[in-house]
Amino acid sequence: MRRTAAELGVGAMSLYRYVPGKEELGGLMIDEVFGERPLPEPGPPGWRAKLELSAQHEWEIYVEHPWVPQLFALTTRPPIAPRMMAYTDWRMRAVDGIGLDFETMVRAAIMVSVHTQSGALPLACEMHAKDTREHWLGMRSAKLQEVFDAGEPTMIARFGAESVQASEPASIFEFGLQPLLDGVAELIPE
């Protein structure tokens, strides 16, 4: 709250006239950024295309605002943010009518968001890093080579430029989304 007040040029206590605390402030901030990127109605045909689109939209929110998944990671309950909740509702409507019970629809909708959030969490860390990932790796290449020359870990020693690219947050997000959706498909009755 103090940092927000300082950025706004007001006293920290004056913020409490508008919001009761940092949880509510976080909810308002999250609601605002999700409101910047509403999901289209009705969206593409098919439940899978809809879930992919919603995940991509949410990923773009996190790329533009990397502090959002970090804020989620600091809480145990989702914020009361109607425009964020609209994503869960939209996803549940995407899988409604394909044979899943309501609780499974809830799990599928939230699971897409949890996957997206967890994949995006390193973006916030990168935002606060003093140098680029490439520079960081370059500065530690001698130490890494020492570890590899010692013979352990053998699989990590095989890392090359393609492997480093594959370990990037966006690559992990894309890679994980497809098996996640394959798992949802397995739950659909014949």
Protein backbone atom coordinates (compact mmCIF):
# COMPACT_ATOMS: atom_id res chain seq x y z
CA MET A 1 0.00 0.00 0.00
CA ARG A 2 2.87 2.38 0.81
CA ARG A 3 4.49 1.77 -2.56
CA THR A 4 1.22 2.31 -4.40
CA ALA A 5 0.59 5.49 -2.46
CA ALA A 6 4.10 6.75 -3.24
CA GLU A 7 3.59 6.06 -6.97
CA LEU A 8 0.30 7.97 -6.84
CA GLY A 9 1.86 10.81 -4.85
CA VAL A 10 -0.53 10.47 -1.91
CA GLY A 11 -0.23 9.38 1.70
CA ALA A 12 -0.56 5.64 2.36
CA MET A 13 -3.43 6.14 4.77
CA SER A 14 -5.41 8.11 2.18
CA LEU A 15 -5.68 4.94 0.05
CA TYR A 16 -7.80 3.36 2.75
CA ARG A 17 -10.55 5.84 1.91
CA TYR A 18 -10.89 4.01 -1.41
CA VAL A 19 -9.97 0.39 -0.63
CA PRO A 20 -9.99 -1.46 2.70
CA GLY A 21 -6.63 -3.16 2.13
CA LYS A 22 -4.09 -4.62 -0.23
CA GLU A 23 -6.21 -7.71 -1.04
CA GLU A 24 -9.01 -5.51 -2.36
CA LEU A 25 -6.54 -3.29 -4.21
CA GLY A 26 -5.04 -6.38 -5.86
CA GLY A 27 -8.52 -7.52 -6.87
CA LEU A 28 -9.26 -4.16 -8.48
CA MET A 29 -5.96 -4.19 -10.34
CA ILE A 30 -6.49 -7.74 -11.62
CA ASP A 31 -10.06 -6.93 -12.62
CA GLU A 32 -8.79 -3.97 -14.62
CA VAL A 33 -6.19 -5.92 -16.61
CA PHE A 34 -8.58 -8.80 -17.37
CA GLY A 35 -11.10 -6.18 -18.50
CA GLU A 36 -8.57 -4.94 -21.07
CA ARG A 37 -8.75 -8.31 -22.85
CA PRO A 38 -12.31 -9.72 -22.74
CA LEU A 39 -12.96 -13.08 -24.35
CA PRO A 40 -15.02 -12.97 -27.55
CA GLU A 41 -18.61 -14.13 -27.69
CA PRO A 42 -19.29 -16.77 -28.75
CA GLY A 43 -15.66 -17.58 -29.57
CA PRO A 44 -14.39 -20.18 -32.00
CA PRO A 45 -16.32 -23.40 -32.55
CA GLY A 46 -15.40 -26.35 -30.35
CA TRP A 47 -14.52 -26.64 -26.68
CA ARG A 48 -10.81 -27.21 -27.31
CA ALA A 49 -10.40 -24.15 -29.54
CA LYS A 50 -12.20 -22.07 -26.93
CA LEU A 51 -9.96 -23.26 -24.09
CA GLU A 52 -6.85 -22.67 -26.22
CA LEU A 53 -8.03 -19.15 -27.07
CA SER A 54 -8.81 -18.34 -23.45
CA ALA A 55 -5.41 -19.60 -22.31
CA GLN A 56 -3.69 -17.54 -25.01
CA HIS A 57 -5.60 -14.42 -23.96
CA GLU A 58 -4.69 -14.99 -20.33
CA TRP A 59 -1.04 -15.60 -21.29
CA GLU A 60 -0.99 -12.27 -23.12
CA ILE A 61 -2.29 -10.55 -19.99
CA TYR A 62 0.61 -12.02 -18.03
CA VAL A 63 3.16 -11.04 -20.66
CA GLU A 64 1.85 -7.45 -20.60
CA HIS A 65 1.46 -7.41 -16.81
CA PRO A 66 3.96 -9.92 -15.33
CA TRP A 67 3.10 -8.82 -11.80
CA VAL A 68 -0.34 -10.47 -12.08
CA PRO A 69 0.75 -14.14 -11.73
CA GLN A 70 3.11 -13.05 -8.97
CA LEU A 71 0.14 -11.52 -7.15
CA PHE A 72 -1.80 -14.79 -7.58
CA ALA A 73 1.15 -16.73 -6.13
CA LEU A 74 1.03 -14.62 -2.97
CA THR A 75 -2.62 -15.38 -2.19
CA THR A 76 -4.46 -18.49 -1.10
CA ARG A 77 -7.82 -17.39 -2.48
CA PRO A 78 -8.64 -15.95 -5.88
CA PRO A 79 -9.38 -12.23 -5.89
CA ILE A 80 -12.92 -11.00 -6.24
CA ALA A 81 -12.47 -9.68 -9.77
CA PRO A 82 -15.61 -10.03 -11.92
CA ARG A 83 -13.79 -9.67 -15.26
CA MET A 84 -11.28 -12.34 -14.27
CA MET A 85 -14.12 -14.55 -13.05
CA ALA A 86 -15.68 -14.11 -16.49
CA TYR A 87 -12.76 -16.15 -17.89
CA THR A 88 -13.67 -19.09 -15.65
CA ASP A 89 -17.33 -18.74 -16.56
CA TRP A 90 -16.49 -18.55 -20.29
CA ARG A 91 -14.35 -21.69 -20.02
CA MET A 92 -17.09 -23.56 -18.18
CA ARG A 93 -19.55 -22.62 -20.90
CA ALA A 94 -17.00 -23.87 -23.45
CA VAL A 95 -17.09 -27.37 -21.96
CA ASP A 96 -20.78 -27.34 -21.04
CA GLY A 97 -22.76 -29.87 -23.00
CA ILE A 98 -19.89 -32.26 -23.81
CA GLY A 99 -20.77 -34.73 -21.07
CA LEU A 100 -18.73 -33.49 -18.10
CA ASP A 101 -20.32 -33.11 -14.67
CA PHE A 102 -20.34 -29.63 -13.17
CA GLU A 103 -17.43 -30.23 -10.79
CA THR A 104 -15.27 -31.51 -13.66
CA MET A 105 -16.19 -28.42 -15.69
CA VAL A 106 -15.04 -26.27 -12.74
CA ARG A 107 -11.77 -28.19 -12.48
CA ALA A 108 -11.09 -27.98 -16.23
CA ALA A 109 -11.74 -24.23 -16.32
CA ILE A 110 -9.53 -23.52 -13.31
CA MET A 111 -6.83 -25.97 -14.42
CA VAL A 112 -6.32 -24.02 -17.66
CA SER A 113 -5.84 -20.84 -15.65
CA VAL A 114 -3.52 -22.47 -13.09
CA HIS A 115 -1.36 -23.88 -15.89
CA THR A 116 -1.19 -20.47 -17.55
CA GLN A 117 -0.40 -18.66 -14.29
CA SER A 118 2.31 -21.09 -13.25
CA GLY A 119 3.92 -20.92 -16.69
CA ALA A 120 3.91 -17.13 -16.51
CA LEU A 121 5.30 -16.79 -12.99
CA PRO A 122 8.94 -16.72 -14.22
CA LEU A 123 8.03 -13.69 -16.37
CA ALA A 124 7.75 -11.59 -13.21
CA CYS A 125 11.12 -12.83 -12.01
CA GLU A 126 12.69 -11.98 -15.39
CA MET A 127 11.14 -8.52 -15.21
CA HIS A 128 13.04 -7.86 -11.97
CA ALA A 129 16.30 -9.46 -13.10
CA LYS A 130 19.26 -7.14 -13.52
CA ASP A 131 20.28 -8.68 -16.85
CA THR A 132 18.89 -10.83 -19.65
CA ARG A 133 18.69 -14.58 -19.39
CA GLU A 134 21.30 -14.90 -22.13
CA HIS A 135 23.70 -12.56 -20.31
CA TRP A 136 23.12 -14.43 -17.06
CA LEU A 137 23.93 -17.76 -18.75
CA GLY A 138 26.99 -16.30 -20.46
CA MET A 139 28.39 -14.97 -17.20
CA ARG A 140 28.01 -18.41 -15.64
CA SER A 141 29.20 -20.52 -18.54
CA ALA A 142 32.54 -21.36 -16.91
CA LYS A 143 30.83 -22.52 -13.71
CA LEU A 144 28.31 -24.53 -15.74
CA GLN A 145 31.14 -26.15 -17.67
CA GLU A 146 32.79 -27.17 -14.38
CA VAL A 147 29.58 -28.89 -13.31
CA PHE A 148 29.25 -30.63 -16.69
CA ASP A 149 32.91 -31.70 -16.72
CA ALA A 150 32.36 -33.36 -13.33
CA GLY A 151 29.93 -35.69 -15.11
CA GLU A 152 26.71 -34.67 -13.39
CA PRO A 153 23.96 -33.91 -14.28
CA THR A 154 24.38 -35.82 -17.52
CA MET A 155 21.16 -34.78 -19.26
CA ILE A 156 21.55 -31.07 -18.42
CA ALA A 157 25.08 -31.25 -19.89
CA ARG A 158 23.44 -31.91 -23.27
CA PHE A 159 21.69 -28.51 -23.23
CA GLY A 160 22.27 -26.40 -26.31
CA ALA A 161 20.63 -23.30 -27.74
CA GLU A 162 17.49 -25.27 -28.69
CA SER A 163 17.22 -26.69 -25.18
CA VAL A 164 17.55 -23.25 -23.64
CA GLN A 165 14.81 -22.01 -25.98
CA ALA A 166 12.63 -25.00 -25.01
CA SER A 167 13.01 -24.03 -21.35
CA GLU A 168 11.65 -20.51 -21.90
CA PRO A 169 8.33 -19.77 -20.14
CA ALA A 170 6.37 -19.33 -23.39
CA SER A 171 7.63 -22.66 -24.70
CA ILE A 172 6.71 -24.45 -21.47
CA PHE A 173 3.25 -22.84 -21.53
CA GLU A 174 2.57 -23.95 -25.12
CA PHE A 175 3.99 -27.43 -24.56
CA GLY A 176 1.95 -28.06 -21.41
CA LEU A 177 -1.34 -26.73 -22.73
CA GLN A 178 -1.81 -29.46 -25.33
CA PRO A 179 -1.43 -32.48 -22.97
CA LEU A 180 -3.64 -30.67 -20.47
CA LEU A 181 -6.39 -30.37 -23.10
CA ASP A 182 -5.76 -33.98 -24.18
CA GLY A 183 -6.51 -34.95 -20.57
CA VAL A 184 -9.81 -33.04 -20.68
CA ALA A 185 -10.67 -34.86 -23.92
CA GLU A 186 -10.11 -38.19 -22.15
CA LEU A 187 -12.80 -37.26 -19.62
CA ILE A 188 -15.48 -36.75 -22.27
CA PRO A 189 -17.83 -39.74 -22.41
CA GLU A 190 -17.88 -41.69 -25.70
